[in-house]
C-alpha atoms as a PDB file:
ATOM      1  CA  MET A   1       0.013   0.062  -0.038  1.00  0.00           C
ATOM      2  CA  ALA A   2       1.407   3.413  -0.980  1.00  0.00           C
ATOM      3  CA  LEU A   3       2.311   5.700   1.884  1.00  0.00           C
ATOM      4  CA  SER A   4       0.768   9.085   2.409  1.00  0.00           C
ATOM      5  CA  ARG A   5       2.997  12.198   1.983  1.00  0.00           C
ATOM      6  CA  SER A   6       2.982  12.718   5.726  1.00  0.00           C
ATOM      7  CA  ASN A   7       4.094   9.037   6.232  1.00  0.00           C
ATOM      8  CA  ILE A   8       6.770   9.328   3.636  1.00  0.00           C
ATOM      9  CA  VAL A   9       8.253  12.499   5.351  1.00  0.00           C
ATOM     10  CA  LEU A  10       8.079  10.800   8.775  1.00  0.00           C
ATOM     11  CA  LYS A  11       9.658   7.559   7.563  1.00  0.00           C
ATOM     12  CA  TYR A  12      12.584   9.431   6.008  1.00  0.00           C
ATOM     13  CA  ILE A  13      13.071  11.651   9.034  1.00  0.00           C
ATOM     14  CA  VAL A  14      13.338   8.586  11.292  1.00  0.00           C
ATOM     15  CA  GLU A  15      15.733   6.814   8.882  1.00  0.00           C
ATOM     16  CA  TYR A  16      17.900   9.685   8.182  1.00  0.00           C
ATOM     17  CA  PHE A  17      18.258  10.462  11.904  1.00  0.00           C
ATOM     18  CA  ILE A  18      18.997   6.777  12.674  1.00  0.00           C
ATOM     19  CA  LYS A  19      21.643   6.772  10.033  1.00  0.00           C
ATOM     20  CA  THR A  20      23.378  10.115  10.822  1.00  0.00           C
ATOM     21  CA  ALA A  21      22.290  11.257  14.361  1.00  0.00           C
ATOM     22  CA  GLN A  22      21.792  14.630  12.776  1.00  0.00           C
ATOM     23  CA  PRO A  23      18.647  16.652  13.090  1.00  0.00           C
ATOM     24  CA  VAL A  24      16.620  16.692   9.815  1.00  0.00           C
ATOM     25  CA  GLY A  25      15.473  19.728   7.780  1.00  0.00           C
ATOM     26  CA  SER A  26      13.297  19.921   4.628  1.00  0.00           C
ATOM     27  CA  GLN A  27      16.120  20.436   2.155  1.00  0.00           C
ATOM     28  CA  THR A  28      18.062  17.520   3.560  1.00  0.00           C
ATOM     29  CA  LEU A  29      15.035  15.202   2.782  1.00  0.00           C
ATOM     30  CA  ILE A  30      14.733  16.574  -0.729  1.00  0.00           C
ATOM     31  CA  ASP A  31      18.466  16.101  -1.357  1.00  0.00           C
ATOM     32  CA  GLU A  32      18.930  12.755   0.327  1.00  0.00           C
ATOM     33  CA  TYR A  33      15.715  11.017  -0.861  1.00  0.00           C
ATOM     34  CA  LYS A  34      15.050  12.903  -4.286  1.00  0.00           C
ATOM     35  CA  LEU A  35      11.546  13.868  -3.158  1.00  0.00           C
ATOM     36  CA  SER A  36       9.486  15.662  -5.674  1.00  0.00           C
ATOM     37  CA  TYR A  37       7.817  17.831  -3.157  1.00  0.00           C
ATOM     38  CA  SER A  38       8.755  21.548  -2.651  1.00  0.00           C
ATOM     39  CA  SER A  39      10.614  22.610   0.501  1.00  0.00           C
ATOM     40  CA  ALA A  40       7.526  24.551   1.589  1.00  0.00           C
ATOM     41  CA  THR A  41       5.314  21.516   1.276  1.00  0.00           C
ATOM     42  CA  ILE A  42       7.711  19.329   3.315  1.00  0.00           C
ATOM     43  CA  ARG A  43       7.930  22.068   5.972  1.00  0.00           C
ATOM     44  CA  ASN A  44       4.138  22.164   6.253  1.00  0.00           C
ATOM     45  CA  GLU A  45       4.128  18.337   6.753  1.00  0.00           C
ATOM     46  CA  MET A  46       6.873  18.602   9.301  1.00  0.00           C
ATOM     47  CA  HIS A  47       4.897  21.252  11.196  1.00  0.00           C
ATOM     48  CA  ALA A  48       1.843  18.926  11.219  1.00  0.00           C
ATOM     49  CA  LEU A  49       3.911  15.995  12.452  1.00  0.00           C
ATOM     50  CA  GLU A  50       5.475  18.185  15.203  1.00  0.00           C
ATOM     51  CA  LYS A  51       1.970  19.331  16.309  1.00  0.00           C
ATOM     52  CA  MET A  52       0.848  15.621  16.565  1.00  0.00           C
ATOM     53  CA  GLY A  53       3.995  14.761  18.602  1.00  0.00           C
ATOM     54  CA  TYR A  54       5.747  12.530  16.034  1.00  0.00           C
ATOM     55  CA  ILE A  55       8.813  14.838  15.691  1.00  0.00           C
ATOM     56  CA  GLU A  56      10.335  17.459  17.924  1.00  0.00           C
ATOM     57  CA  LYS A  57      12.776  20.398  17.646  1.00  0.00           C
ATOM     58  CA  THR A  58      16.226  20.246  19.205  1.00  0.00           C
ATOM     59  CA  HIS A  59      17.673  23.149  21.064  1.00  0.00           C
ATOM     60  CA  SER A  60      20.838  23.251  18.944  1.00  0.00           C
ATOM     61  CA  SER A  61      19.391  23.104  15.511  1.00  0.00           C
ATOM     62  CA  SER A  62      16.587  24.157  13.231  1.00  0.00           C
ATOM     63  CA  GLY A  63      16.166  20.532  12.185  1.00  0.00           C
ATOM     64  CA  ARG A  64      13.706  17.992  13.708  1.00  0.00           C
ATOM     65  CA  VAL A  65      14.283  14.659  15.293  1.00  0.00           C
ATOM     66  CA  PRO A  66      11.799  11.614  15.860  1.00  0.00           C
ATOM     67  CA  SER A  67      10.026  11.606  19.270  1.00  0.00           C
ATOM     68  CA  THR A  68       9.260   8.362  21.083  1.00  0.00           C
ATOM     69  CA  LYS A  69       5.777   8.575  19.668  1.00  0.00           C
ATOM     70  CA  GLY A  70       7.270   8.937  16.171  1.00  0.00           C
ATOM     71  CA  TYR A  71       9.541   5.925  16.601  1.00  0.00           C
ATOM     72  CA  ARG A  72       6.803   3.748  17.733  1.00  0.00           C
ATOM     73  CA  TYR A  73       4.623   4.697  14.821  1.00  0.00           C
ATOM     74  CA  TYR A  74       7.430   4.023  12.478  1.00  0.00           C
ATOM     75  CA  CYS A  75       7.963   0.582  13.994  1.00  0.00           C
ATOM     76  CA  GLU A  76       4.316  -0.328  13.794  1.00  0.00           C
ATOM     77  CA  ASN A  77       3.492   1.144  10.351  1.00  0.00           C
ATOM     78  CA  LEU A  78       6.387   2.426   8.180  1.00  0.00           C
ATOM     79  CA  ARG A  79       9.376   0.007   8.502  1.00  0.00           C
ATOM     80  CA  ASP A  80      10.207  -2.293   5.578  1.00  0.00           C
ATOM     81  CA  GLY A  81      10.553  -5.464   7.572  1.00  0.00           C
ATOM     82  CA  THR A  82      13.400  -6.870   5.393  1.00  0.00           C
ATOM     83  CA  VAL A  83      15.645  -9.449   6.834  1.00  0.00           C
ATOM     84  CA  ASN A  84      19.379  -9.226   6.053  1.00  0.00           C
ATOM     85  CA  GLU A  85      20.232 -12.251   3.846  1.00  0.00           C
ATOM     86  CA  GLN A  86      23.788 -12.541   5.598  1.00  0.00           C
ATOM     87  CA  LEU A  87      22.003 -12.865   8.924  1.00  0.00           C
ATOM     88  CA  LYS A  88      19.776 -15.708   7.563  1.00  0.00           C
ATOM     89  CA  ASN A  89      22.827 -17.527   6.072  1.00  0.00           C
ATOM     90  CA  SER A  90      24.832 -17.173   9.244  1.00  0.00           C
ATOM     91  CA  ILE A  91      22.070 -18.462  11.508  1.00  0.00           C
ATOM     92  CA  GLN A  92      21.449 -21.357   9.157  1.00  0.00           C
ATOM     93  CA  SER A  93      25.061 -22.306   9.331  1.00  0.00           C
ATOM     94  CA  VAL A  94      24.678 -22.602  13.129  1.00  0.00           C
ATOM     95  CA  LEU A  95      21.636 -24.716  12.911  1.00  0.00           C
ATOM     96  CA  ASP A  96      23.164 -27.037  10.256  1.00  0.00           C
ATOM     97  CA  GLN A  97      25.539 -28.176  12.901  1.00  0.00           C
ATOM     98  CA  LYS A  98      23.202 -30.784  14.505  1.00  0.00           C
ATOM     99  CA  ILE A  99      25.446 -31.775  17.417  1.00  0.00           C
ATOM    100  CA  LYS A 100      25.164 -28.311  19.188  1.00  0.00           C
ATOM    101  CA  SER A 101      23.526 -27.905  22.533  1.00  0.00           C
ATOM    102  CA  ILE A 102      20.663 -25.519  23.264  1.00  0.00           C
ATOM    103  CA  GLU A 103      23.072 -23.196  24.999  1.00  0.00           C
ATOM    104  CA  GLU A 104      25.540 -23.191  22.108  1.00  0.00           C
ATOM    105  CA  VAL A 105      22.780 -22.533  19.472  1.00  0.00           C
ATOM    106  CA  ILE A 106      21.481 -19.605  21.488  1.00  0.00           C
ATOM    107  CA  LYS A 107      25.012 -18.254  22.233  1.00  0.00           C
ATOM    108  CA  GLU A 108      26.193 -18.413  18.604  1.00  0.00           C
ATOM    109  CA  SER A 109      22.862 -16.955  17.300  1.00  0.00           C
ATOM    110  CA  CYS A 110      23.055 -14.017  19.774  1.00  0.00           C
ATOM    111  CA  GLU A 111      26.688 -13.317  18.857  1.00  0.00           C
ATOM    112  CA  ILE A 112      25.686 -13.100  15.230  1.00  0.00           C
ATOM    113  CA  LEU A 113      22.576 -10.833  16.161  1.00  0.00           C
ATOM    114  CA  SER A 114      24.826  -8.381  18.149  1.00  0.00           C
ATOM    115  CA  HIS A 115      27.345  -8.270  15.456  1.00  0.00           C
ATOM    116  CA  MET A 116      24.756  -7.629  12.682  1.00  0.00           C
ATOM    117  CA  THR A 117      22.752  -4.989  14.630  1.00  0.00           C
ATOM    118  CA  ASN A 118      25.567  -3.390  16.659  1.00  0.00           C
ATOM    119  CA  LEU A 119      23.466  -3.771  19.804  1.00  0.00           C
ATOM    120  CA  VAL A 120      23.832  -5.728  23.033  1.00  0.00           C
ATOM    121  CA  THR A 121      21.967  -8.980  23.180  1.00  0.00           C
ATOM    122  CA  VAL A 122      20.510 -10.182  26.452  1.00  0.00           C
ATOM    123  CA  VAL A 123      19.347 -13.787  26.780  1.00  0.00           C
ATOM    124  CA  MET A 124      16.833 -14.362  29.724  1.00  0.00           C
ATOM    125  CA  GLY A 125      16.707 -18.033  30.689  1.00  0.00           C
ATOM    126  CA  PRO A 126      13.882 -20.260  31.918  1.00  0.00           C
ATOM    127  CA  ASP A 127      11.904 -18.930  34.841  1.00  0.00           C
ATOM    128  CA  GLU A 128      13.295 -20.269  38.106  1.00  0.00           C
ATOM    129  CA  ARG A 129       9.836 -21.020  39.366  1.00  0.00           C
ATOM    130  CA  GLU A 130       9.384 -23.610  36.601  1.00  0.00           C
ATOM    131  CA  GLU A 131      12.813 -25.106  36.901  1.00  0.00           C
ATOM    132  CA  LYS A 132      13.990 -27.869  39.364  1.00  0.00           C
ATOM    133  CA  LEU A 133      17.411 -29.094  40.553  1.00  0.00           C
ATOM    134  CA  ALA A 134      18.211 -32.370  38.675  1.00  0.00           C
ATOM    135  CA  SER A 135      21.407 -33.394  40.332  1.00  0.00           C
ATOM    136  CA  ILE A 136      24.546 -32.390  42.228  1.00  0.00           C
ATOM    137  CA  GLN A 137      27.585 -34.327  40.851  1.00  0.00           C
ATOM    138  CA  MET A 138      31.051 -34.407  42.563  1.00  0.00           C
ATOM    139  CA  ILE A 139      34.500 -34.608  40.918  1.00  0.00           C
ATOM    140  CA  GLN A 140      37.530 -34.914  43.080  1.00  0.00           C
ATOM    141  CA  ILE A 141      40.201 -32.740  41.459  1.00  0.00           C
ATOM    142  CA  SER A 142      43.018 -33.441  44.058  1.00  0.00           C
ATOM    143  CA  ASN A 143      43.419 -34.450  47.686  1.00  0.00           C
ATOM    144  CA  ASN A 144      42.274 -31.075  48.853  1.00  0.00           C
ATOM    145  CA  SER A 145      39.959 -29.907  46.055  1.00  0.00           C
ATOM    146  CA  ILE A 146      36.640 -30.949  44.781  1.00  0.00           C
ATOM    147  CA  THR A 147      34.320 -29.583  42.128  1.00  0.00           C
ATOM    148  CA  ALA A 148      30.515 -29.874  42.601  1.00  0.00           C
ATOM    149  CA  ILE A 149      28.390 -29.669  39.358  1.00  0.00           C
ATOM    150  CA  PHE A 150      24.830 -28.501  39.711  1.00  0.00           C
ATOM    151  CA  VAL A 151      22.358 -29.376  36.887  1.00  0.00           C
ATOM    152  CA  THR A 152      18.716 -28.281  36.476  1.00  0.00           C
ATOM    153  CA  ASP A 153      16.004 -30.134  34.610  1.00  0.00           C
ATOM    154  CA  LYS A 154      16.226 -27.340  31.902  1.00  0.00           C
ATOM    155  CA  GLY A 155      19.864 -27.976  31.271  1.00  0.00           C
ATOM    156  CA  TYR A 156      21.374 -25.062  33.193  1.00  0.00           C
ATOM    157  CA  VAL A 157      24.686 -25.836  34.743  1.00  0.00           C
ATOM    158  CA  GLU A 158      26.607 -24.093  37.542  1.00  0.00           C
ATOM    159  CA  ASN A 159      29.804 -25.402  39.177  1.00  0.00           C
ATOM    160  CA  LYS A 160      31.606 -24.691  42.562  1.00  0.00           C
ATOM    161  CA  THR A 161      35.069 -25.821  43.522  1.00  0.00           C
ATOM    162  CA  PHE A 162      35.735 -26.517  47.193  1.00  0.00           C
ATOM    163  CA  ILE A 163      39.215 -26.118  48.620  1.00  0.00           C
ATOM    164  CA  VAL A 164      39.163 -28.597  51.493  1.00  0.00           C
ATOM    165  CA  PRO A 165      41.042 -27.759  54.675  1.00  0.00           C
ATOM    166  CA  GLU A 166      43.574 -30.235  56.083  1.00  0.00           C
ATOM    167  CA  ASN A 167      41.306 -31.171  59.030  1.00  0.00           C
ATOM    168  CA  ILE A 168      38.478 -32.280  56.680  1.00  0.00           C
ATOM    169  CA  SER A 169      38.527 -35.400  54.548  1.00  0.00           C
ATOM    170  CA  ALA A 170      37.606 -34.931  50.936  1.00  0.00           C
ATOM    171  CA  LYS A 171      35.549 -38.224  51.319  1.00  0.00           C
ATOM    172  CA  GLU A 172      33.461 -36.507  53.966  1.00  0.00           C
ATOM    173  CA  VAL A 173      32.626 -33.674  51.687  1.00  0.00           C
ATOM    174  CA  VAL A 174      31.642 -35.998  48.849  1.00  0.00           C
ATOM    175  CA  SER A 175      29.430 -37.929  51.326  1.00  0.00           C
ATOM    176  CA  CYS A 176      27.816 -34.742  52.619  1.00  0.00           C
ATOM    177  CA  VAL A 177      27.062 -33.473  49.157  1.00  0.00           C
ATOM    178  CA  SER A 178      25.725 -36.980  48.177  1.00  0.00           C
ATOM    179  CA  LEU A 179      23.267 -36.672  51.092  1.00  0.00           C
ATOM    180  CA  LEU A 180      22.200 -33.160  49.915  1.00  0.00           C
ATOM    181  CA  ASN A 181      21.795 -34.413  46.352  1.00  0.00           C
ATOM    182  CA  ASP A 182      19.198 -37.037  47.719  1.00  0.00           C
ATOM    183  CA  ARG A 183      17.352 -34.428  49.722  1.00  0.00           C
ATOM    184  CA  LEU A 184      17.422 -31.619  47.325  1.00  0.00           C
ATOM    185  CA  LYS A 185      16.966 -33.077  43.788  1.00  0.00           C
ATOM    186  CA  GLY A 186      13.534 -32.215  42.362  1.00  0.00           C
ATOM    187  CA  THR A 187      13.303 -28.936  44.414  1.00  0.00           C
ATOM    188  CA  PRO A 188      12.151 -25.871  42.457  1.00  0.00           C
ATOM    189  CA  ILE A 189      15.186 -23.502  42.056  1.00  0.00           C
ATOM    190  CA  VAL A 190      13.236 -20.749  43.716  1.00  0.00           C
ATOM    191  CA  ASP A 191      12.993 -22.861  46.981  1.00  0.00           C
ATOM    192  CA  LEU A 192      16.630 -24.117  47.060  1.00  0.00           C
ATOM    193  CA  VAL A 193      18.042 -21.540  49.419  1.00  0.00           C
ATOM    194  CA  GLU A 194      15.216 -22.008  52.002  1.00  0.00           C
ATOM    195  CA  LYS A 195      15.465 -25.733  51.902  1.00  0.00           C
ATOM    196  CA  THR A 196      19.309 -25.731  52.145  1.00  0.00           C
ATOM    197  CA  GLU A 197      19.096 -23.608  55.259  1.00  0.00           C
ATOM    198  CA  ALA A 198      16.633 -26.098  56.750  1.00  0.00           C
ATOM    199  CA  LEU A 199      19.098 -28.889  55.995  1.00  0.00           C
ATOM    200  CA  LYS A 200      22.012 -27.180  57.919  1.00  0.00           C
ATOM    201  CA  PRO A 201      21.540 -29.192  61.257  1.00  0.00           C
ATOM    202  CA  ILE A 202      21.870 -32.486  59.266  1.00  0.00           C
ATOM    203  CA  LEU A 203      25.073 -31.316  57.621  1.00  0.00           C
ATOM    204  CA  SER A 204      26.682 -30.806  61.074  1.00  0.00           C
ATOM    205  CA  GLU A 205      26.192 -34.549  61.856  1.00  0.00           C
ATOM    206  CA  TYR A 206      28.106 -35.694  58.845  1.00  0.00           C
ATOM    207  CA  ILE A 207      31.127 -33.267  58.750  1.00  0.00           C
ATOM    208  CA  VAL A 208      33.070 -31.310  61.238  1.00  0.00           C
ATOM    209  CA  GLY A 209      33.659 -28.302  58.905  1.00  0.00           C
ATOM    210  CA  HIS A 210      30.076 -28.342  57.579  1.00  0.00           C
ATOM    211  CA  ASP A 211      30.020 -24.537  57.163  1.00  0.00           C
ATOM    212  CA  LEU A 212      32.354 -24.914  54.212  1.00  0.00           C
ATOM    213  CA  VAL A 213      29.877 -26.996  52.323  1.00  0.00           C
ATOM    214  CA  TYR A 214      26.871 -25.124  53.538  1.00  0.00           C
ATOM    215  CA  GLN A 215      28.218 -21.707  52.511  1.00  0.00           C
ATOM    216  CA  ALA A 216      29.423 -22.913  49.128  1.00  0.00           C
ATOM    217  CA  LEU A 217      26.035 -24.510  48.338  1.00  0.00           C
ATOM    218  CA  LEU A 218      24.233 -21.509  49.515  1.00  0.00           C
ATOM    219  CA  GLU A 219      26.203 -19.160  47.267  1.00  0.00           C
ATOM    220  CA  THR A 220      25.553 -21.420  44.314  1.00  0.00           C
ATOM    221  CA  PHE A 221      21.835 -21.616  44.923  1.00  0.00           C
ATOM    222  CA  VAL A 222      21.525 -17.859  45.345  1.00  0.00           C
ATOM    223  CA  ARG A 223      23.125 -17.491  41.841  1.00  0.00           C
ATOM    224  CA  PHE A 224      20.882 -20.101  40.566  1.00  0.00           C
ATOM    225  CA  ALA A 225      17.786 -18.158  41.759  1.00  0.00           C
ATOM    226  CA  SER A 226      19.153 -14.853  40.332  1.00  0.00           C
ATOM    227  CA  ASP A 227      21.593 -15.441  37.491  1.00  0.00           C
ATOM    228  CA  ARG A 228      19.313 -16.136  34.459  1.00  0.00           C
ATOM    229  CA  LEU A 229      20.875 -13.954  31.889  1.00  0.00           C
ATOM    230  CA  SER A 230      23.741 -13.860  29.506  1.00  0.00           C
ATOM    231  CA  LEU A 231      25.084 -10.826  27.618  1.00  0.00           C
ATOM    232  CA  TYR A 232      26.643 -10.659  24.270  1.00  0.00           C
ATOM    233  CA  GLY A 233      28.119  -7.686  22.172  1.00  0.00           C
ATOM    234  CA  ARG A 234      28.763  -5.122  24.998  1.00  0.00           C
ATOM    235  CA  ASP A 235      31.630  -3.735  22.841  1.00  0.00           C
ATOM    236  CA  GLU A 236      29.070  -2.916  20.097  1.00  0.00           C
ATOM    237  CA  LEU A 237      27.804  -0.113  22.228  1.00  0.00           C
ATOM    238  CA  PHE A 238      30.972   1.833  21.546  1.00  0.00           C
ATOM    239  CA  THR A 239      30.114   2.064  17.864  1.00  0.00           C
ATOM    240  CA  HIS A 240      27.215   4.453  18.694  1.00  0.00           C
ATOM    241  CA  GLU A 241      27.732   8.150  18.619  1.00  0.00           C
ATOM    242  CA  GLU A 242      25.687   8.489  21.815  1.00  0.00           C
ATOM    243  CA  TYR A 243      28.254   6.589  23.817  1.00  0.00           C
ATOM    244  CA  LYS A 244      31.551   7.444  22.135  1.00  0.00           C
ATOM    245  CA  ASN A 245      32.122  10.534  24.361  1.00  0.00           C
ATOM    246  CA  ASP A 246      29.601  10.173  27.123  1.00  0.00           C
ATOM    247  CA  VAL A 247      30.878   7.962  30.012  1.00  0.00           C
ATOM    248  CA  GLU A 248      27.765   8.712  32.075  1.00  0.00           C
ATOM    249  CA  LYS A 249      25.359   7.312  29.347  1.00  0.00           C
ATOM    250  CA  LEU A 250      27.550   4.242  29.152  1.00  0.00           C
ATOM    251  CA  GLU A 251      27.549   3.642  32.926  1.00  0.00           C
ATOM    252  CA  LYS A 252      23.768   3.908  32.965  1.00  0.00           C
ATOM    253  CA  ILE A 253      23.226   1.349  30.237  1.00  0.00           C
ATOM    254  CA  PHE A 254      25.699  -1.044  31.846  1.00  0.00           C
ATOM    255  CA  LYS A 255      23.709  -0.804  35.143  1.00  0.00           C
ATOM    256  CA  LEU A 256      20.535  -1.459  33.216  1.00  0.00           C
ATOM    257  CA  LEU A 257      22.109  -4.671  31.855  1.00  0.00           C
ATOM    258  CA  SER A 258      22.593  -6.038  35.440  1.00  0.00           C
ATOM    259  CA  ASN A 259      19.110  -5.004  36.637  1.00  0.00           C
ATOM    260  CA  GLN A 260      17.516  -8.367  37.462  1.00  0.00           C
ATOM    261  CA  SER A 261      14.156  -6.926  38.338  1.00  0.00           C
ATOM    262  CA  LEU A 262      13.833  -4.982  35.171  1.00  0.00           C
ATOM    263  CA  LEU A 263      14.845  -7.903  32.981  1.00  0.00           C
ATOM    264  CA  LYS A 264      12.257 -10.083  34.959  1.00  0.00           C
ATOM    265  CA  GLU A 265       9.608  -7.409  34.270  1.00  0.00           C
ATOM    266  CA  VAL A 266      10.364  -7.376  30.521  1.00  0.00           C
ATOM    267  CA  LYS A 267      10.293 -11.128  30.439  1.00  0.00           C
ATOM    268  CA  ARG A 268       6.870 -11.159  32.120  1.00  0.00           C
ATOM    269  CA  GLU A 269       5.603  -8.654  29.523  1.00  0.00           C
ATOM    270  CA  ILE A 270       6.878 -10.924  26.783  1.00  0.00           C
ATOM    271  CA  ARG A 271       5.046 -13.946  28.166  1.00  0.00           C
ATOM    272  CA  GLU A 272       1.886 -11.987  28.515  1.00  0.00           C
ATOM    273  CA  ASP A 273       2.004 -10.440  25.012  1.00  0.00           C
ATOM    274  CA  GLU A 274      -0.015 -12.003  22.347  1.00  0.00           C
ATOM    275  CA  ARG A 275       2.844 -11.720  19.833  1.00  0.00           C
ATOM    276  CA  GLY A 276       5.519 -12.720  22.354  1.00  0.00           C
ATOM    277  CA  ARG A 277       7.340  -9.508  21.554  1.00  0.00           C
ATOM    278  CA  VAL A 278       7.858  -6.210  23.542  1.00  0.00           C
ATOM    279  CA  LEU A 279       9.139  -2.916  22.247  1.00  0.00           C
ATOM    280  CA  ARG A 280      10.267  -0.402  24.862  1.00  0.00           C
ATOM    281  CA  ILE A 281      11.376   3.013  23.558  1.00  0.00           C
ATOM    282  CA  GLY A 282      13.041   5.330  26.054  1.00  0.00           C
ATOM    283  CA  ASP A 283      11.047   3.997  29.015  1.00  0.00           C
ATOM    284  CA  LEU A 284      13.546   1.769  30.711  1.00  0.00           C
ATOM    285  CA  ARG A 285      13.857   2.760  34.433  1.00  0.00           C
ATOM    286  CA  ASP A 286      14.467   6.549  34.093  1.00  0.00           C
ATOM    287  CA  ASN A 287      16.596   5.960  31.086  1.00  0.00           C
ATOM    288  CA  PRO A 288      15.030   8.049  28.314  1.00  0.00           C
ATOM    289  CA  ASP A 289      18.065   7.451  25.973  1.00  0.00           C
ATOM    290  CA  VAL A 290      17.739   3.660  25.900  1.00  0.00           C
ATOM    291  CA  SER A 291      15.543   1.305  23.902  1.00  0.00           C
ATOM    292  CA  MET A 292      14.967  -2.515  24.104  1.00  0.00           C
ATOM    293  CA  VAL A 293      13.247  -4.878  21.689  1.00  0.00           C
ATOM    294  CA  SER A 294      12.603  -8.324  23.065  1.00  0.00           C
ATOM    295  CA  ALA A 295      10.994 -11.557  21.800  1.00  0.00           C
ATOM    296  CA  ARG A 296       9.974 -14.977  23.241  1.00  0.00           C
ATOM    297  CA  ILE A 297      11.644 -18.265  22.164  1.00  0.00           C
ATOM    298  CA  ASN A 298       9.898 -21.545  22.761  1.00  0.00           C
ATOM    299  CA  LEU A 299      12.425 -24.268  23.581  1.00  0.00           C
ATOM    300  CA  GLY A 300       9.796 -27.046  23.415  1.00  0.00           C
ATOM    301  CA  GLN A 301      10.106 -29.287  26.368  1.00  0.00           C
ATOM    302  CA  ASP A 302      12.782 -27.153  27.930  1.00  0.00           C
ATOM    303  CA  GLY A 303      10.457 -24.333  28.479  1.00  0.00           C
ATOM    304  CA  GLU A 304      10.854 -20.715  27.310  1.00  0.00           C
ATOM    305  CA  SER A 305      13.621 -18.232  26.933  1.00  0.00           C
ATOM    306  CA  ALA A 306      13.714 -14.615  25.698  1.00  0.00           C
ATOM    307  CA  ILE A 307      16.138 -12.567  23.699  1.00  0.00           C
ATOM    308  CA  ALA A 308      16.367  -8.756  23.885  1.00  0.00           C
ATOM    309  CA  LEU A 309      18.338  -6.186  21.885  1.00  0.00           C
ATOM    310  CA  LEU A 310      19.388  -3.121  23.858  1.00  0.00           C
ATOM    311  CA  GLY A 311      20.911   0.161  22.638  1.00  0.00           C
ATOM    312  CA  PRO A 312      20.315   3.861  22.226  1.00  0.00           C
ATOM    313  CA  THR A 313      16.844   5.199  21.217  1.00  0.00           C
ATOM    314  CA  ARG A 314      18.318   5.896  17.780  1.00  0.00           C
ATOM    315  CA  ILE A 315      18.787   2.312  17.041  1.00  0.00           C
ATOM    316  CA  ASP A 316      17.924   0.949  13.574  1.00  0.00           C
ATOM    317  CA  TYR A 317      14.472  -0.307  14.611  1.00  0.00           C
ATOM    318  CA  ASP A 318      13.706  -1.769  11.223  1.00  0.00           C
ATOM    319  CA  GLN A 319      16.809  -3.930  11.218  1.00  0.00           C
ATOM    320  CA  ALA A 320      16.608  -4.907  14.821  1.00  0.00           C
ATOM    321  CA  LEU A 321      12.928  -5.875  14.934  1.00  0.00           C
ATOM    322  CA  SER A 322      13.255  -7.848  11.584  1.00  0.00           C
ATOM    323  CA  ALA A 323      16.393  -9.634  12.830  1.00  0.00           C
ATOM    324  CA  LEU A 324      14.943 -10.466  16.185  1.00  0.00           C
ATOM    325  CA  ASP A 325      11.657 -11.668  14.792  1.00  0.00           C
ATOM    326  CA  TYR A 326      13.453 -13.868  12.346  1.00  0.00           C
ATOM    327  CA  ILE A 327      15.760 -15.407  14.938  1.00  0.00           C
ATOM    328  CA  ALA A 328      12.938 -15.957  17.363  1.00  0.00           C
ATOM    329  CA  LYS A 329      10.845 -17.766  14.908  1.00  0.00           C
ATOM    330  CA  THR A 330      13.695 -19.736  13.488  1.00  0.00           C
ATOM    331  CA  LEU A 331      14.925 -20.854  16.848  1.00  0.00           C
ATOM    332  CA  THR A 332      11.413 -21.776  18.029  1.00  0.00           C
ATOM    333  CA  ASP A 333      10.785 -23.830  14.967  1.00  0.00           C
ATOM    334  CA  TYR A 334      14.340 -25.459  15.259  1.00  0.00           C
ATOM    335  CA  PHE A 335      13.789 -26.441  18.993  1.00  0.00           C
ATOM    336  CA  ASN A 336      10.170 -27.672  18.249  1.00  0.00           C
ATOM    337  CA  ASP A 337      11.495 -29.838  15.409  1.00  0.00           C
ATOM    338  CA  ILE A 338      14.153 -31.410  17.572  1.00  0.00           C
ATOM    339  CA  ASN A 339      11.600 -32.269  20.251  1.00  0.00           C
ATOM    340  CA  LYS A 340       9.330 -33.777  17.773  1.00  0.00           C
ATOM    341  CA  GLY A 341      12.149 -35.755  16.329  1.00  0.00           C
ATOM    342  CA  GLY A 342      13.233 -37.010  19.882  1.00  0.00           C
ATOM    343  CA  GLN A 343       9.708 -38.056  20.674  1.00  0.00           C
ATOM    344  CA  GLY A 344       9.461 -39.931  17.478  1.00  0.00           C
ATOM    345  CA  ASP A 345      12.704 -41.855  18.271  1.00  0.00           C
ATOM    346  CA  ALA A 346      11.599 -42.767  21.761  1.00  0.00           C
END
């Protein structure tokens, strides 16, 4: 469907500003996009767009820049939606290697996504309320060191190495952890800390230095309950004009990346959204200069995950949304096919 003149003007204002970070004037639009309208006609359209709140004037220039409302309208109505062919080919190369684990597929896909979009990719893993401890396995590294490997039923793995004091036998530690494995396996991740605390008296009966095991397990389970995200492409932020010479903005965005409550909030929104996709433009916890686009991935029998792209409000929304939608659908189909194949072989 052909765009109206007003929509054409807004589309090009958004795209030119995304590309250059420079406010846009009527003559710039004529020169850059070979528009057939007069400068006066374009100024009238820009004036109307400004009155409706889609663009705004900057203090330092006579040009205009998109507003949050303008970006959102662009995303919903004006973007092309074309997926980069190089992205498609790169993702397909990852999926063609059938022996990769879920974690490896997601990791490599997100590294490609960050590189192609110049944005940070955040992966939010399964909800800890829906995930349970599957096992605690012990590996004795030496006479005084042991590594405990904790695995959940969703495939999440954490490990902790114990340095065992001379007055404690490594065999005692192994025995103690074996007891905990029997008592804790099948426990929802969200309940592990509380249940471990309740088992502390039992530990004291099995090992003299039980505090060593207790504290190590507690630290690990606290991480289990909170650490459900992976970050890729942090260095991509330095390619954006907004962050090249503004340390304060960089510090703010890095703080956002470690804000667990915000990311859980975003993930909840994704789960509740009909399309499984959330777009936040400049409304991330008092950070008007940051945007995030995020989408749900169905891992089949392994639950759900979510991937988000994060960067300045001037991100290439068409590229980011198209790439994210493509990867979310492709990975969802891939994991569903694997699960169907596995069920067929059973």
